[in-house]
């Protein structure tokens, strides 16, 4: 007989798998494009909440992790170092045959940290083929102003967002007080020649990646966001959902949040959640249904299992992830210490930690 906790876990794991299959069947829309398959994908961690000693190298089947810089320092003692902050920015470089595409996902919290790390990592904004802004929280778009001020982004580069809500001014509820939490600078982006692509449907990005579009809430996961937004402040009321247009303040259900995903040849899906307000499991189910690919090679990003999420949500999430059985789990940003501790305990061989300057290379399986 199984111990009580083990029996409960097995039941919940099976239930989690059933929920994910149901979510795949209830996807919002079938994309009007064929999902591409790339030969390799390298995710450069430009902004995250922690740094580490450079030089570590981890090799696993289908994954190479390198910490720190991939070029020699210009000086024996560099005058500055990579900086960490509470925010997220990823630079995705993918190959498909002879094509190479570069996609910037999110911009971190401050221009200073984003530009500092770009310079040290030798990332040139002029090389960016497309950008994705996952959602309208300042720790994901705050660094964008600095990027635009470099005037290095090529005119016409697309910026993908999940709908008009992303442009509404946010109000933070932290510490029990309402405080302004910024607004995405749409005017500044347009003035810099950025081409805005705003839609709730999945979109093809730079011919190599795809966005999730709106992520259905099909599992036990529900959005818990520490913000409200103001209809009409930075955004057009008439383009919002009818039930939200006439309100003064709207609780964020993060309906506009996007994940950015790839299919790596012979490996499966790489799902980057950015913040994961809509839930890791809901996001995975959405990516599976769009791509028509069941196997998850890696799930990467913030999983938003921090306060005020109850610990029960952490356990249920790991139960379901055991059923999904991804090859790798890379928690970043807002994943939370309770989640990281639980998933390391239960799935230790699959968890790889993220630090600023890390490079995660997912390569195609050998024929």
Foldseek 3Di string as FASTA:
>chain_A
DDDPVVVVLLVLQVVLVVLLVVLLVVFDDADPDAADAFFKKKKAWQEFAFADDFDDWDDDVQKIKGHAEPDDDPDPDDPDDQDYDQATKIWMWTHHPPDIAIEIEFFAQALVNNVVSCVRNVPFLLRHQAYEYFAQFNRGHHNVVNVLVVLNHDAAHEYEWQFQQSQFWKWFCPPNDTHTGDGHCPVSCVVSRYHYDYHQPKDQHPVFKIKLRFQDQRDPAFFDDRIKGAAPHRGDLVRDDPVPSPDGIGPDRSRTGIWMWGQYAQQGIEIERAAQRSAPSSRLSSVCSRNVTLAAQEYEHHGQCAPPNDLVVLSSNLSNCVSSVHQAYEHTNRNDPSNVVVNCVVPVNRYDYDHRRMMMMRGHDDD
